[in-house]
Amino acid sequence: MINIHIQEADFDHSELYNGLRSANTPPGAVVTFTGLVRDFSSHGDVQAIYLEHYPAMTEKTLHKIAVTAQERWQLENIVIVHRVGKITAREQIVFVGVASLHRKEAFQACEYIMDYLKNDAPFWKKEITPTHELWVENKKSDSEALDKWR
């Protein structure tokens, strides 16, 4: 099962984790990743970020990433939650959770989903610092992370 949520509101990590555990086939492993908004960048101190997206395109892309992971590994359940709008520093921004019969598949699938999400998902990020606002491009290190999956 694949569950994808794009929302402005924060999310409850425990609730999402428990949902992954209660899959029809009890998993042998649940791996989660929760990303937080950093309070720093190469441009200075970050007070908040603002994320824009095109809803139909974003949902379609996230679903495609999850389906591709399911085709690659034997997964029982995938949950992706990504926040949009204004999010202050140190708040949760993204959750990726994977339930599988085996830990290795769960770890790999979670990392795969996050790497592709960072590169392919159509989100546009603006950093808000005490002195300016700046639209941010993807990092080279994020695109290089995809090399291991190709």
Protein backbone atom coordinates (compact mmCIF):
# COMPACT_ATOMS: atom_id res chain seq x y z
CA MET A 1 0.00 0.00 0.00
CA ILE A 2 1.22 3.49 -0.85
CA ASN A 3 0.09 6.58 1.10
CA ILE A 4 1.20 10.03 -0.02
CA HIS A 5 0.28 13.27 1.71
CA ILE A 6 1.29 16.79 0.69
CA GLN A 7 0.17 19.24 3.33
CA GLU A 8 0.87 22.48 5.16
CA ALA A 9 0.20 21.05 8.61
CA ASP A 10 2.83 19.28 10.69
CA PHE A 11 2.60 15.50 11.06
CA ASP A 12 2.72 13.01 13.92
CA HIS A 13 5.71 10.70 13.49
CA SER A 14 4.35 8.12 15.95
CA GLU A 15 1.01 7.88 14.16
CA LEU A 16 2.72 7.38 10.80
CA TYR A 17 5.08 4.76 12.23
CA ASN A 18 2.22 2.85 13.86
CA GLY A 19 0.35 2.88 10.56
CA LEU A 20 3.34 1.25 8.88
CA ARG A 21 3.48 -1.43 11.58
CA SER A 22 -0.17 -2.35 11.15
CA ALA A 23 0.13 -3.47 7.52
CA ASN A 24 -1.96 -6.49 6.47
CA THR A 25 1.19 -8.63 6.51
CA PRO A 26 3.12 -7.80 9.69
CA PRO A 27 6.48 -6.39 8.60
CA GLY A 28 9.82 -7.64 9.81
CA ALA A 29 11.24 -4.13 9.56
CA VAL A 30 10.04 -0.54 9.55
CA VAL A 31 12.49 2.16 8.50
CA THR A 32 11.63 5.84 8.68
CA PHE A 33 13.33 9.09 7.81
CA THR A 34 12.18 12.45 9.13
CA GLY A 35 13.73 15.55 7.60
CA LEU A 36 13.93 18.82 9.52
CA VAL A 37 14.35 22.36 8.24
CA ARG A 38 17.93 23.38 8.94
CA ASP A 39 18.54 26.69 10.70
CA PHE A 40 21.63 27.37 8.58
CA SER A 41 22.77 27.25 4.98
CA SER A 42 25.63 28.51 2.87
CA HIS A 43 23.66 31.79 2.66
CA GLY A 44 23.54 32.34 6.43
CA ASP A 45 21.12 31.70 9.26
CA VAL A 46 17.76 30.38 8.11
CA GLN A 47 14.63 31.42 9.98
CA ALA A 48 12.23 29.55 7.73
CA ILE A 49 11.73 28.17 4.28
CA TYR A 50 8.84 28.50 1.89
CA LEU A 51 8.01 25.54 -0.35
CA GLU A 52 5.88 25.90 -3.45
CA HIS A 53 4.68 23.07 -5.64
CA TYR A 54 2.31 22.19 -8.45
CA PRO A 55 -0.11 19.77 -6.69
CA ALA A 56 -1.06 17.43 -9.54
CA MET A 57 2.52 17.12 -10.76
CA THR A 58 3.93 16.68 -7.25
CA GLU A 59 1.50 13.92 -6.28
CA LYS A 60 2.10 12.09 -9.57
CA THR A 61 5.90 12.29 -9.14
CA LEU A 62 5.87 11.08 -5.53
CA HIS A 63 3.56 8.21 -6.46
CA LYS A 64 5.86 7.22 -9.34
CA ILE A 65 8.88 7.20 -6.99
CA ALA A 66 7.00 4.98 -4.51
CA VAL A 67 5.80 2.57 -7.22
CA THR A 68 9.33 2.27 -8.58
CA ALA A 69 10.60 1.42 -5.08
CA GLN A 70 7.87 -1.19 -4.72
CA GLU A 71 8.89 -2.75 -8.01
CA ARG A 72 12.53 -2.85 -6.93
CA TRP A 73 12.08 -4.23 -3.39
CA GLN A 74 9.47 -6.37 -1.67
CA LEU A 75 7.66 -3.72 0.38
CA GLU A 76 4.48 -4.04 2.41
CA ASN A 77 3.75 -0.36 2.92
CA ILE A 78 5.13 3.06 1.94
CA VAL A 79 4.20 6.41 3.48
CA ILE A 80 5.47 9.74 2.18
CA VAL A 81 4.46 13.02 3.83
CA HIS A 82 5.86 16.30 2.53
CA ARG A 83 4.96 19.70 3.88
CA VAL A 84 4.56 22.83 1.78
CA GLY A 85 4.10 26.50 2.56
CA LYS A 86 6.09 28.37 5.21
CA ILE A 87 7.95 26.08 7.60
CA THR A 88 10.15 27.49 10.34
CA ALA A 89 13.65 26.30 11.18
CA ARG A 90 13.89 22.98 13.03
CA GLU A 91 10.34 21.95 12.13
CA GLN A 92 9.58 18.65 10.42
CA ILE A 93 9.35 18.92 6.65
CA VAL A 94 9.33 15.37 5.27
CA PHE A 95 8.60 11.83 6.41
CA VAL A 96 9.43 8.70 4.43
CA GLY A 97 8.48 5.37 5.94
CA VAL A 98 8.83 1.87 4.54
CA ALA A 99 7.63 -1.48 5.92
CA SER A 100 9.15 -4.68 4.58
CA LEU A 101 9.67 -8.27 5.58
CA HIS A 102 13.41 -7.64 5.60
CA ARG A 103 15.49 -4.82 7.10
CA LYS A 104 17.95 -4.49 4.21
CA GLU A 105 15.13 -3.87 1.72
CA ALA A 106 13.49 -1.39 4.07
CA PHE A 107 16.71 0.61 4.55
CA GLN A 108 17.52 0.64 0.83
CA ALA A 109 13.99 1.55 -0.22
CA CYS A 110 13.76 4.41 2.29
CA GLU A 111 17.07 5.87 1.13
CA TYR A 112 16.10 5.40 -2.54
CA ILE A 113 12.79 7.21 -2.05
CA MET A 114 14.44 10.09 -0.23
CA ASP A 115 17.22 10.44 -2.83
CA TYR A 116 14.70 10.57 -5.68
CA LEU A 117 12.39 12.85 -3.76
CA LYS A 118 15.23 15.36 -3.22
CA ASN A 119 16.00 15.38 -6.94
CA ASP A 120 12.82 14.69 -8.89
CA ALA A 121 9.93 16.02 -6.83
CA PRO A 122 8.75 19.38 -8.15
CA PHE A 123 9.17 21.54 -5.05
CA TRP A 124 10.60 25.04 -5.21
CA LYS A 125 12.32 26.19 -2.00
CA LYS A 126 12.92 29.71 -0.81
CA GLU A 127 15.16 30.29 2.22
CA ILE A 128 14.16 33.12 4.52
CA THR A 129 17.05 34.64 6.48
CA PRO A 130 17.15 37.72 8.71
CA THR A 131 18.38 39.82 5.78
CA HIS A 132 16.93 38.31 2.58
CA GLU A 133 14.87 35.67 0.80
CA LEU A 134 16.50 33.44 -1.80
CA TRP A 135 15.20 30.68 -4.10
CA VAL A 136 17.51 27.68 -3.70
CA GLU A 137 18.66 25.22 -6.34
CA ASN A 138 19.29 21.49 -5.80
CA LYS A 139 22.69 20.60 -4.39
CA LYS A 140 25.22 18.72 -6.48
CA SER A 141 25.60 16.17 -3.66
CA ASP A 142 21.88 15.36 -3.92
CA SER A 143 22.10 14.63 -7.63
CA GLU A 144 25.27 12.58 -7.10
CA ALA A 145 23.39 10.42 -4.59
CA LEU A 146 21.28 9.08 -7.46
CA ASP A 147 24.30 7.48 -9.13
CA LYS A 148 24.17 4.44 -6.83
CA TRP A 149 20.56 3.70 -7.89
CA ARG A 150 21.14 3.87 -11.64
